[in-house]
Amino acid sequence: MRLGLILSEAASGLRRNLSMVVSVVLVTFISLTFVGAAILLQMQIGQMKDYWYDRAQVAVYLCIDSDACEAGPANDQTIAAVKSQLESPELAPYIKKFYFENQEQGFAHFKQQFKGNQISDFVTPQMIQPAFWVNLKDPNNSAVLSETLSSAAGVQSVVDQRSYLDQIFSILNAASFTAIGIAALMLVAAALLIATTIRLSAFSRRRELGIMRLVGASNRFIQTPFILEGVFAALIGSVLAAGAIYALVSVFVRGYLSEQIRSINFVGTDNALLVAPILVLVGIILAAVSANFAISRYLKV
């Protein structure tokens, strides 16, 4: 094959179908940006799970209302009994540390957490449940604590904070899957648009293709310029998507979110650099397959 001739044919095709090429670039850019965002969101969920699950506590809430517990509200004796159980040989091997929070301490934390919220004006210290807050060596062993203490006198409930985290992560996963779904639809649109562009390019050069076939040019020689057209257009869109993902992480996530919410370890530019080549590779493969399919079908007609 003469590489110079193939490249010149591909460049000629790009010039003739410039508006369609721009459309391919834009659709590829948008679809792969969604793909990159979905991948980064999954990375963020993984980091947050690793961080928060290790720090999630088990709350042993004590009774403050006789209607909620048959044994009545917790008192000094029941509190001491629960503490003894936490220090017992049966539970101690599972526990890293624990501490007791009375109603006044719990109320102070509540006021701090809901500062500026009107709900804090209607809550009194008597409405806050005293609780033991337990950090486990292995958060997966929370069921042991629940089975042992749920029926203890003065205990109203044993709650694993991971159940709250699971709800948050479920929402984030739903957002991630939505982005993946939109990206998949956009990738299908990009593939169809690439195929249509290649077929139009081939149709506009049908006389030239007929002459090439008459002089014995191989199908691969004829197909390669058209495939390069699709790959080049998709490559531009892929590079733009990779740049957009890097800029999003660098400017918005690291530059803004990480400064506003310091308690969360957000994904960094190193993660964006891992995603970038994946986007470029997906774009090239998508374009090559779509263009090859389109020109192969056209030449068979």
C-alpha atoms as a PDB file:
ATOM      1  CA  MET A   1       0.000   0.000   0.000  1.00  0.00           C
ATOM      2  CA  ARG A   2       1.139   3.544  -0.700  1.00  0.00           C
ATOM      3  CA  LEU A   3       0.793   5.332   2.637  1.00  0.00           C
ATOM      4  CA  GLY A   4       0.945   8.814   1.111  1.00  0.00           C
ATOM      5  CA  LEU A   5      -1.911   8.069  -1.281  1.00  0.00           C
ATOM      6  CA  ILE A   6      -4.034   6.561   1.474  1.00  0.00           C
ATOM      7  CA  LEU A   7      -3.514   9.567   3.761  1.00  0.00           C
ATOM      8  CA  SER A   8      -4.285  12.016   0.958  1.00  0.00           C
ATOM      9  CA  GLU A   9      -7.507  10.154   0.177  1.00  0.00           C
ATOM     10  CA  ALA A  10      -8.490  10.243   3.854  1.00  0.00           C
ATOM     11  CA  ALA A  11      -7.747  13.984   4.059  1.00  0.00           C
ATOM     12  CA  SER A  12      -9.792  14.586   0.922  1.00  0.00           C
ATOM     13  CA  GLY A  13     -12.727  12.744   2.436  1.00  0.00           C
ATOM     14  CA  LEU A  14     -12.523  14.795   5.628  1.00  0.00           C
ATOM     15  CA  ARG A  15     -12.579  18.048   3.657  1.00  0.00           C
ATOM     16  CA  ARG A  16     -15.570  16.972   1.585  1.00  0.00           C
ATOM     17  CA  ASN A  17     -17.651  15.989   4.621  1.00  0.00           C
ATOM     18  CA  LEU A  18     -16.474  18.600   7.098  1.00  0.00           C
ATOM     19  CA  SER A  19     -19.916  19.225   8.648  1.00  0.00           C
ATOM     20  CA  MET A  20     -20.459  15.502   9.236  1.00  0.00           C
ATOM     21  CA  VAL A  21     -16.963  15.167  10.671  1.00  0.00           C
ATOM     22  CA  VAL A  22     -17.707  17.974  13.138  1.00  0.00           C
ATOM     23  CA  SER A  23     -20.905  16.149  14.117  1.00  0.00           C
ATOM     24  CA  VAL A  24     -18.944  12.940  14.744  1.00  0.00           C
ATOM     25  CA  VAL A  25     -16.415  14.840  16.852  1.00  0.00           C
ATOM     26  CA  LEU A  26     -19.149  16.438  18.987  1.00  0.00           C
ATOM     27  CA  VAL A  27     -21.165  13.240  19.500  1.00  0.00           C
ATOM     28  CA  THR A  28     -18.029  11.261  20.343  1.00  0.00           C
ATOM     29  CA  PHE A  29     -16.897  14.005  22.725  1.00  0.00           C
ATOM     30  CA  ILE A  30     -20.204  14.107  24.605  1.00  0.00           C
ATOM     31  CA  SER A  31     -20.656  10.334  24.801  1.00  0.00           C
ATOM     32  CA  LEU A  32     -17.105   9.644  25.995  1.00  0.00           C
ATOM     33  CA  THR A  33     -17.331  12.471  28.523  1.00  0.00           C
ATOM     34  CA  PHE A  34     -20.304  10.641  30.053  1.00  0.00           C
ATOM     35  CA  VAL A  35     -18.291   7.408  29.988  1.00  0.00           C
ATOM     36  CA  GLY A  36     -15.372   9.100  31.768  1.00  0.00           C
ATOM     37  CA  ALA A  37     -17.677  10.711  34.332  1.00  0.00           C
ATOM     38  CA  ALA A  38     -19.273   7.330  35.086  1.00  0.00           C
ATOM     39  CA  ILE A  39     -15.869   5.674  35.541  1.00  0.00           C
ATOM     40  CA  LEU A  40     -14.673   8.463  37.845  1.00  0.00           C
ATOM     41  CA  LEU A  41     -17.901   8.272  39.848  1.00  0.00           C
ATOM     42  CA  GLN A  42     -17.354   4.553  40.396  1.00  0.00           C
ATOM     43  CA  MET A  43     -13.782   5.290  41.503  1.00  0.00           C
ATOM     44  CA  GLN A  44     -15.126   7.922  43.909  1.00  0.00           C
ATOM     45  CA  ILE A  45     -17.691   5.501  45.343  1.00  0.00           C
ATOM     46  CA  GLY A  46     -14.957   2.906  45.863  1.00  0.00           C
ATOM     47  CA  GLN A  47     -12.728   5.409  47.683  1.00  0.00           C
ATOM     48  CA  MET A  48     -15.588   6.598  49.873  1.00  0.00           C
ATOM     49  CA  LYS A  49     -16.565   3.037  50.777  1.00  0.00           C
ATOM     50  CA  ASP A  50     -13.005   2.181  51.775  1.00  0.00           C
ATOM     51  CA  TYR A  51     -12.764   5.352  53.868  1.00  0.00           C
ATOM     52  CA  TRP A  52     -16.173   5.513  55.556  1.00  0.00           C
ATOM     53  CA  TYR A  53     -16.836   1.814  56.078  1.00  0.00           C
ATOM     54  CA  ASP A  54     -13.661   1.554  58.136  1.00  0.00           C
ATOM     55  CA  ARG A  55     -14.817   4.512  60.253  1.00  0.00           C
ATOM     56  CA  ALA A  56     -18.487   3.590  60.518  1.00  0.00           C
ATOM     57  CA  GLN A  57     -19.599   3.042  64.097  1.00  0.00           C
ATOM     58  CA  VAL A  58     -22.262   0.885  65.675  1.00  0.00           C
ATOM     59  CA  ALA A  59     -24.644   2.884  67.863  1.00  0.00           C
ATOM     60  CA  VAL A  60     -26.180   1.164  70.895  1.00  0.00           C
ATOM     61  CA  TYR A  61     -29.144   3.428  71.653  1.00  0.00           C
ATOM     62  CA  LEU A  62     -30.518   3.301  75.186  1.00  0.00           C
ATOM     63  CA  CYS A  63     -34.137   3.724  76.225  1.00  0.00           C
ATOM     64  CA  ILE A  64     -35.548   7.075  77.327  1.00  0.00           C
ATOM     65  CA  ASP A  65     -39.246   6.140  77.098  1.00  0.00           C
ATOM     66  CA  SER A  66     -41.089   3.423  78.985  1.00  0.00           C
ATOM     67  CA  ASP A  67     -43.352   2.821  75.983  1.00  0.00           C
ATOM     68  CA  ALA A  68     -40.361   1.905  73.795  1.00  0.00           C
ATOM     69  CA  CYS A  69     -38.813  -0.598  76.225  1.00  0.00           C
ATOM     70  CA  GLU A  70     -40.568  -3.060  78.498  1.00  0.00           C
ATOM     71  CA  ALA A  71     -37.827  -2.718  81.108  1.00  0.00           C
ATOM     72  CA  GLY A  72     -38.298   1.058  81.206  1.00  0.00           C
ATOM     73  CA  PRO A  73     -35.808   3.870  80.602  1.00  0.00           C
ATOM     74  CA  ALA A  74     -32.121   3.165  80.985  1.00  0.00           C
ATOM     75  CA  ASN A  75     -30.587   3.987  84.358  1.00  0.00           C
ATOM     76  CA  ASP A  76     -27.136   3.850  85.897  1.00  0.00           C
ATOM     77  CA  GLN A  77     -27.412   0.114  86.517  1.00  0.00           C
ATOM     78  CA  THR A  78     -28.449  -0.790  82.952  1.00  0.00           C
ATOM     79  CA  ILE A  79     -25.800   1.532  81.508  1.00  0.00           C
ATOM     80  CA  ALA A  80     -23.153  -0.156  83.637  1.00  0.00           C
ATOM     81  CA  ALA A  81     -24.450  -3.571  82.550  1.00  0.00           C
ATOM     82  CA  VAL A  82     -24.176  -2.671  78.858  1.00  0.00           C
ATOM     83  CA  LYS A  83     -20.663  -1.334  79.440  1.00  0.00           C
ATOM     84  CA  SER A  84     -19.715  -4.596  81.161  1.00  0.00           C
ATOM     85  CA  GLN A  85     -20.975  -6.576  78.180  1.00  0.00           C
ATOM     86  CA  LEU A  86     -18.908  -4.454  75.785  1.00  0.00           C
ATOM     87  CA  GLU A  87     -15.846  -5.168  77.926  1.00  0.00           C
ATOM     88  CA  SER A  88     -16.660  -8.869  78.278  1.00  0.00           C
ATOM     89  CA  PRO A  89     -14.376 -11.569  76.784  1.00  0.00           C
ATOM     90  CA  GLU A  90     -17.126 -12.404  74.289  1.00  0.00           C
ATOM     91  CA  LEU A  91     -17.281  -8.941  72.686  1.00  0.00           C
ATOM     92  CA  ALA A  92     -13.926  -7.350  73.511  1.00  0.00           C
ATOM     93  CA  PRO A  93     -12.033  -9.191  70.727  1.00  0.00           C
ATOM     94  CA  TYR A  94     -14.317  -7.566  68.130  1.00  0.00           C
ATOM     95  CA  ILE A  95     -14.141  -4.021  69.523  1.00  0.00           C
ATOM     96  CA  LYS A  96     -11.432  -1.495  68.754  1.00  0.00           C
ATOM     97  CA  LYS A  97     -12.807   1.169  71.095  1.00  0.00           C
ATOM     98  CA  PHE A  98     -16.088   2.533  72.436  1.00  0.00           C
ATOM     99  CA  TYR A  99     -17.360   5.491  74.421  1.00  0.00           C
ATOM    100  CA  PHE A 100     -20.574   6.548  76.128  1.00  0.00           C
ATOM    101  CA  GLU A 101     -22.465   9.705  75.139  1.00  0.00           C
ATOM    102  CA  ASN A 102     -25.127  10.984  77.563  1.00  0.00           C
ATOM    103  CA  GLN A 103     -28.099  13.139  76.650  1.00  0.00           C
ATOM    104  CA  GLU A 104     -26.320  16.471  77.235  1.00  0.00           C
ATOM    105  CA  GLN A 105     -23.352  15.441  75.081  1.00  0.00           C
ATOM    106  CA  GLY A 106     -25.647  14.081  72.394  1.00  0.00           C
ATOM    107  CA  PHE A 107     -27.648  17.312  72.415  1.00  0.00           C
ATOM    108  CA  ALA A 108     -24.467  19.377  72.011  1.00  0.00           C
ATOM    109  CA  HIS A 109     -23.451  17.275  68.997  1.00  0.00           C
ATOM    110  CA  PHE A 110     -26.954  17.562  67.563  1.00  0.00           C
ATOM    111  CA  LYS A 111     -26.917  21.371  67.854  1.00  0.00           C
ATOM    112  CA  GLN A 112     -23.529  21.491  66.177  1.00  0.00           C
ATOM    113  CA  GLN A 113     -24.578  19.175  63.369  1.00  0.00           C
ATOM    114  CA  PHE A 114     -27.854  20.997  62.656  1.00  0.00           C
ATOM    115  CA  LYS A 115     -26.575  24.510  63.260  1.00  0.00           C
ATOM    116  CA  GLY A 116     -28.732  26.984  61.351  1.00  0.00           C
ATOM    117  CA  ASN A 117     -31.513  24.431  60.817  1.00  0.00           C
ATOM    118  CA  GLN A 118     -34.904  25.282  62.353  1.00  0.00           C
ATOM    119  CA  ILE A 119     -35.319  21.730  63.610  1.00  0.00           C
ATOM    120  CA  SER A 120     -32.701  22.399  66.294  1.00  0.00           C
ATOM    121  CA  ASP A 121     -35.065  24.924  67.929  1.00  0.00           C
ATOM    122  CA  PHE A 122     -37.616  22.200  68.712  1.00  0.00           C
ATOM    123  CA  VAL A 123     -35.274  19.585  70.174  1.00  0.00           C
ATOM    124  CA  THR A 124     -34.441  19.400  73.873  1.00  0.00           C
ATOM    125  CA  PRO A 125     -31.772  17.341  75.671  1.00  0.00           C
ATOM    126  CA  GLN A 126     -34.494  15.041  77.044  1.00  0.00           C
ATOM    127  CA  MET A 127     -35.366  14.004  73.495  1.00  0.00           C
ATOM    128  CA  ILE A 128     -31.854  12.770  72.711  1.00  0.00           C
ATOM    129  CA  GLN A 129     -31.095   9.128  73.403  1.00  0.00           C
ATOM    130  CA  PRO A 130     -27.960   8.280  75.362  1.00  0.00           C
ATOM    131  CA  ALA A 131     -25.814   5.827  73.410  1.00  0.00           C
ATOM    132  CA  PHE A 132     -22.646   3.785  73.324  1.00  0.00           C
ATOM    133  CA  TRP A 133     -20.652   4.431  70.155  1.00  0.00           C
ATOM    134  CA  VAL A 134     -18.583   1.401  69.153  1.00  0.00           C
ATOM    135  CA  ASN A 135     -15.758   1.133  66.636  1.00  0.00           C
ATOM    136  CA  LEU A 136     -15.232  -2.447  65.506  1.00  0.00           C
ATOM    137  CA  LYS A 137     -11.941  -3.954  64.396  1.00  0.00           C
ATOM    138  CA  ASP A 138     -13.826  -5.434  61.444  1.00  0.00           C
ATOM    139  CA  PRO A 139     -17.031  -3.536  60.517  1.00  0.00           C
ATOM    140  CA  ASN A 140     -18.440  -6.736  59.017  1.00  0.00           C
ATOM    141  CA  ASN A 141     -18.828  -8.149  62.546  1.00  0.00           C
ATOM    142  CA  SER A 142     -21.563  -5.680  63.490  1.00  0.00           C
ATOM    143  CA  ALA A 143     -24.119  -8.526  63.577  1.00  0.00           C
ATOM    144  CA  VAL A 144     -22.322 -10.019  66.602  1.00  0.00           C
ATOM    145  CA  LEU A 145     -22.864  -6.805  68.530  1.00  0.00           C
ATOM    146  CA  SER A 146     -26.473  -6.543  67.432  1.00  0.00           C
ATOM    147  CA  GLU A 147     -27.334 -10.123  68.419  1.00  0.00           C
ATOM    148  CA  THR A 148     -25.709  -9.759  71.833  1.00  0.00           C
ATOM    149  CA  LEU A 149     -27.027  -6.363  72.907  1.00  0.00           C
ATOM    150  CA  SER A 150     -30.399  -5.967  71.169  1.00  0.00           C
ATOM    151  CA  SER A 151     -32.207  -7.852  73.934  1.00  0.00           C
ATOM    152  CA  ALA A 152     -30.209  -6.329  76.802  1.00  0.00           C
ATOM    153  CA  ALA A 153     -32.109  -4.384  79.469  1.00  0.00           C
ATOM    154  CA  GLY A 154     -32.205  -0.645  78.733  1.00  0.00           C
ATOM    155  CA  VAL A 155     -31.196  -1.050  75.081  1.00  0.00           C
ATOM    156  CA  GLN A 156     -33.714   0.169  72.528  1.00  0.00           C
ATOM    157  CA  SER A 157     -31.812  -0.590  69.325  1.00  0.00           C
ATOM    158  CA  VAL A 158     -28.408  -1.387  67.862  1.00  0.00           C
ATOM    159  CA  VAL A 159     -27.785   0.443  64.596  1.00  0.00           C
ATOM    160  CA  ASP A 160     -24.906  -0.089  62.185  1.00  0.00           C
ATOM    161  CA  GLN A 161     -24.111   3.270  60.566  1.00  0.00           C
ATOM    162  CA  ARG A 162     -23.154   1.450  57.385  1.00  0.00           C
ATOM    163  CA  SER A 163     -26.875   1.063  56.695  1.00  0.00           C
ATOM    164  CA  TYR A 164     -27.078   4.855  56.268  1.00  0.00           C
ATOM    165  CA  LEU A 165     -23.983   4.838  54.061  1.00  0.00           C
ATOM    166  CA  ASP A 166     -25.482   2.106  51.889  1.00  0.00           C
ATOM    167  CA  GLN A 167     -28.431   4.391  51.109  1.00  0.00           C
ATOM    168  CA  ILE A 168     -26.073   7.179  50.016  1.00  0.00           C
ATOM    169  CA  PHE A 169     -23.970   4.817  47.923  1.00  0.00           C
ATOM    170  CA  SER A 170     -27.120   3.403  46.322  1.00  0.00           C
ATOM    171  CA  ILE A 171     -28.033   6.907  45.139  1.00  0.00           C
ATOM    172  CA  LEU A 172     -24.518   7.477  43.819  1.00  0.00           C
ATOM    173  CA  ASN A 173     -24.576   4.111  42.052  1.00  0.00           C
ATOM    174  CA  ALA A 174     -27.917   5.004  40.476  1.00  0.00           C
ATOM    175  CA  ALA A 175     -26.400   8.267  39.202  1.00  0.00           C
ATOM    176  CA  SER A 176     -23.409   6.325  37.870  1.00  0.00           C
ATOM    177  CA  PHE A 177     -25.599   3.783  36.074  1.00  0.00           C
ATOM    178  CA  THR A 178     -27.686   6.621  34.618  1.00  0.00           C
ATOM    179  CA  ALA A 179     -24.521   8.201  33.224  1.00  0.00           C
ATOM    180  CA  ILE A 180     -23.480   4.827  31.802  1.00  0.00           C
ATOM    181  CA  GLY A 181     -26.909   4.405  30.178  1.00  0.00           C
ATOM    182  CA  ILE A 182     -26.767   7.862  28.592  1.00  0.00           C
ATOM    183  CA  ALA A 183     -23.195   7.193  27.468  1.00  0.00           C
ATOM    184  CA  ALA A 184     -24.228   3.880  25.874  1.00  0.00           C
ATOM    185  CA  LEU A 185     -27.018   5.583  23.912  1.00  0.00           C
ATOM    186  CA  MET A 186     -24.646   8.332  22.821  1.00  0.00           C
ATOM    187  CA  LEU A 187     -22.034   5.771  21.755  1.00  0.00           C
ATOM    188  CA  VAL A 188     -24.648   4.007  19.637  1.00  0.00           C
ATOM    189  CA  ALA A 189     -25.526   7.389  18.097  1.00  0.00           C
ATOM    190  CA  ALA A 190     -21.821   8.054  17.467  1.00  0.00           C
ATOM    191  CA  ALA A 191     -21.375   4.647  15.816  1.00  0.00           C
ATOM    192  CA  LEU A 192     -24.393   5.212  13.542  1.00  0.00           C
ATOM    193  CA  LEU A 193     -23.213   8.722  12.686  1.00  0.00           C
ATOM    194  CA  ILE A 194     -19.705   7.463  11.833  1.00  0.00           C
ATOM    195  CA  ALA A 195     -21.169   4.735   9.626  1.00  0.00           C
ATOM    196  CA  THR A 196     -23.450   7.241   7.867  1.00  0.00           C
ATOM    197  CA  THR A 197     -20.564   9.666   7.329  1.00  0.00           C
ATOM    198  CA  ILE A 198     -18.413   6.946   5.780  1.00  0.00           C
ATOM    199  CA  ARG A 199     -21.188   5.782   3.477  1.00  0.00           C
ATOM    200  CA  LEU A 200     -21.827   9.354   2.320  1.00  0.00           C
ATOM    201  CA  SER A 201     -18.126   9.859   1.749  1.00  0.00           C
ATOM    202  CA  ALA A 202     -17.968   6.658  -0.285  1.00  0.00           C
ATOM    203  CA  PHE A 203     -21.053   7.651  -2.286  1.00  0.00           C
ATOM    204  CA  SER A 204     -19.538  11.031  -3.151  1.00  0.00           C
ATOM    205  CA  ARG A 205     -16.486   9.231  -4.528  1.00  0.00           C
ATOM    206  CA  ARG A 206     -18.306   6.348  -6.187  1.00  0.00           C
ATOM    207  CA  ARG A 207     -16.784   7.073  -9.616  1.00  0.00           C
ATOM    208  CA  GLU A 208     -13.259   7.053  -8.172  1.00  0.00           C
ATOM    209  CA  LEU A 209     -13.972   3.812  -6.320  1.00  0.00           C
ATOM    210  CA  GLY A 210     -15.277   2.228  -9.510  1.00  0.00           C
ATOM    211  CA  ILE A 211     -12.076   3.124 -11.356  1.00  0.00           C
ATOM    212  CA  MET A 212      -9.929   1.786  -8.484  1.00  0.00           C
ATOM    213  CA  ARG A 213     -11.781  -1.519  -8.557  1.00  0.00           C
ATOM    214  CA  LEU A 214     -11.400  -1.756 -12.345  1.00  0.00           C
ATOM    215  CA  VAL A 215      -7.625  -1.338 -12.135  1.00  0.00           C
ATOM    216  CA  GLY A 216      -7.427  -4.121  -9.533  1.00  0.00           C
ATOM    217  CA  ALA A 217      -7.119  -2.230  -6.251  1.00  0.00           C
ATOM    218  CA  SER A 218      -7.757  -4.485  -3.284  1.00  0.00           C
ATOM    219  CA  ASN A 219     -10.690  -3.959  -0.946  1.00  0.00           C
ATOM    220  CA  ARG A 220      -8.321  -3.267   1.922  1.00  0.00           C
ATOM    221  CA  PHE A 221      -6.618  -0.504  -0.085  1.00  0.00           C
ATOM    222  CA  ILE A 222     -10.000   1.032  -0.873  1.00  0.00           C
ATOM    223  CA  GLN A 223     -11.369   0.695   2.657  1.00  0.00           C
ATOM    224  CA  THR A 224      -8.381   2.021   4.612  1.00  0.00           C
ATOM    225  CA  PRO A 225      -8.821   5.770   3.782  1.00  0.00           C
ATOM    226  CA  PHE A 226     -12.469   5.637   4.872  1.00  0.00           C
ATOM    227  CA  ILE A 227     -11.585   3.875   8.109  1.00  0.00           C
ATOM    228  CA  LEU A 228      -8.920   6.504   8.777  1.00  0.00           C
ATOM    229  CA  GLU A 229     -11.524   9.236   8.263  1.00  0.00           C
ATOM    230  CA  GLY A 230     -13.737   7.787  10.993  1.00  0.00           C
ATOM    231  CA  VAL A 231     -10.809   7.089  13.311  1.00  0.00           C
ATOM    232  CA  PHE A 232      -9.433  10.613  12.913  1.00  0.00           C
ATOM    233  CA  ALA A 233     -12.794  12.256  13.670  1.00  0.00           C
ATOM    234  CA  ALA A 234     -13.408   9.995  16.674  1.00  0.00           C
ATOM    235  CA  LEU A 235      -9.833  10.532  17.874  1.00  0.00           C
ATOM    236  CA  ILE A 236     -10.396  14.291  18.063  1.00  0.00           C
ATOM    237  CA  GLY A 237     -13.612  13.761  20.036  1.00  0.00           C
ATOM    238  CA  SER A 238     -11.898  11.256  22.349  1.00  0.00           C
ATOM    239  CA  VAL A 239      -8.999  13.605  23.081  1.00  0.00           C
ATOM    240  CA  LEU A 240     -11.444  16.429  23.793  1.00  0.00           C
ATOM    241  CA  ALA A 241     -13.391  14.147  26.173  1.00  0.00           C
ATOM    242  CA  ALA A 242     -10.164  13.143  27.958  1.00  0.00           C
ATOM    243  CA  GLY A 243      -9.224  16.807  28.300  1.00  0.00           C
ATOM    244  CA  ALA A 244     -12.683  17.685  29.608  1.00  0.00           C
ATOM    245  CA  ILE A 245     -12.491  14.933  32.240  1.00  0.00           C
ATOM    246  CA  TYR A 246      -9.042  16.083  33.355  1.00  0.00           C
ATOM    247  CA  ALA A 247     -10.211  19.720  33.532  1.00  0.00           C
ATOM    248  CA  LEU A 248     -13.344  18.684  35.472  1.00  0.00           C
ATOM    249  CA  VAL A 249     -11.286  16.856  38.092  1.00  0.00           C
ATOM    250  CA  SER A 250      -8.540  19.471  38.267  1.00  0.00           C
ATOM    251  CA  VAL A 251     -10.710  22.598  38.399  1.00  0.00           C
ATOM    252  CA  PHE A 252     -14.036  21.510  39.897  1.00  0.00           C
ATOM    253  CA  VAL A 253     -13.326  18.417  42.017  1.00  0.00           C
ATOM    254  CA  ARG A 254      -9.843  19.216  43.357  1.00  0.00           C
ATOM    255  CA  GLY A 255     -10.049  22.984  43.042  1.00  0.00           C
ATOM    256  CA  TYR A 256     -13.535  23.509  44.478  1.00  0.00           C
ATOM    257  CA  LEU A 257     -15.189  20.444  46.023  1.00  0.00           C
ATOM    258  CA  SER A 258     -12.127  19.288  47.948  1.00  0.00           C
ATOM    259  CA  GLU A 259     -11.818  22.768  49.473  1.00  0.00           C
ATOM    260  CA  GLN A 260     -15.495  22.954  50.406  1.00  0.00           C
ATOM    261  CA  ILE A 261     -15.856  19.385  51.729  1.00  0.00           C
ATOM    262  CA  ARG A 262     -12.612  18.417  53.426  1.00  0.00           C
ATOM    263  CA  SER A 263     -14.050  15.321  55.087  1.00  0.00           C
ATOM    264  CA  ILE A 264     -14.195  13.426  51.766  1.00  0.00           C
ATOM    265  CA  ASN A 265     -11.178  12.151  49.877  1.00  0.00           C
ATOM    266  CA  PHE A 266     -12.102  12.983  46.283  1.00  0.00           C
ATOM    267  CA  VAL A 267     -10.629  11.460  43.140  1.00  0.00           C
ATOM    268  CA  GLY A 268      -7.560  13.271  41.834  1.00  0.00           C
ATOM    269  CA  THR A 269      -5.889  14.110  38.557  1.00  0.00           C
ATOM    270  CA  ASP A 270      -4.029  10.783  38.714  1.00  0.00           C
ATOM    271  CA  ASN A 271      -7.400   9.050  38.390  1.00  0.00           C
ATOM    272  CA  ALA A 272      -8.298  11.293  35.451  1.00  0.00           C
ATOM    273  CA  LEU A 273      -5.010  10.378  33.767  1.00  0.00           C
ATOM    274  CA  LEU A 274      -5.915   6.694  34.150  1.00  0.00           C
ATOM    275  CA  VAL A 275      -9.327   7.267  32.545  1.00  0.00           C
ATOM    276  CA  ALA A 276      -8.044   9.415  29.642  1.00  0.00           C
ATOM    277  CA  PRO A 277      -6.324   6.635  27.622  1.00  0.00           C
ATOM    278  CA  ILE A 278      -9.380   4.397  28.136  1.00  0.00           C
ATOM    279  CA  LEU A 279     -11.589   7.035  26.515  1.00  0.00           C
ATOM    280  CA  VAL A 280      -9.194   7.461  23.579  1.00  0.00           C
ATOM    281  CA  LEU A 281      -8.987   3.696  23.076  1.00  0.00           C
ATOM    282  CA  VAL A 282     -12.785   3.298  23.189  1.00  0.00           C
ATOM    283  CA  GLY A 283     -13.192   6.103  20.660  1.00  0.00           C
ATOM    284  CA  ILE A 284     -10.660   4.617  18.232  1.00  0.00           C
ATOM    285  CA  ILE A 285     -12.106   1.097  18.461  1.00  0.00           C
ATOM    286  CA  LEU A 286     -15.671   2.386  18.059  1.00  0.00           C
ATOM    287  CA  ALA A 287     -14.744   4.406  14.975  1.00  0.00           C
ATOM    288  CA  ALA A 288     -12.644   1.668  13.378  1.00  0.00           C
ATOM    289  CA  VAL A 289     -15.360  -0.975  13.784  1.00  0.00           C
ATOM    290  CA  SER A 290     -18.181   1.325  12.621  1.00  0.00           C
ATOM    291  CA  ALA A 291     -16.254   2.655   9.624  1.00  0.00           C
ATOM    292  CA  ASN A 292     -15.057  -0.797   8.579  1.00  0.00           C
ATOM    293  CA  PHE A 293     -18.579  -2.196   8.769  1.00  0.00           C
ATOM    294  CA  ALA A 294     -20.039   0.723   6.790  1.00  0.00           C
ATOM    295  CA  ILE A 295     -17.508   0.685   3.933  1.00  0.00           C
ATOM    296  CA  SER A 296     -17.535  -3.113   3.735  1.00  0.00           C
ATOM    297  CA  ARG A 297     -21.305  -3.125   3.320  1.00  0.00           C
ATOM    298  CA  TYR A 298     -21.116  -0.334   0.755  1.00  0.00           C
ATOM    299  CA  LEU A 299     -18.545  -2.105  -1.374  1.00  0.00           C
ATOM    300  CA  LYS A 300     -20.665  -5.265  -1.398  1.00  0.00           C
ATOM    301  CA  VAL A 301     -23.690  -3.421  -2.733  1.00  0.00           C
END
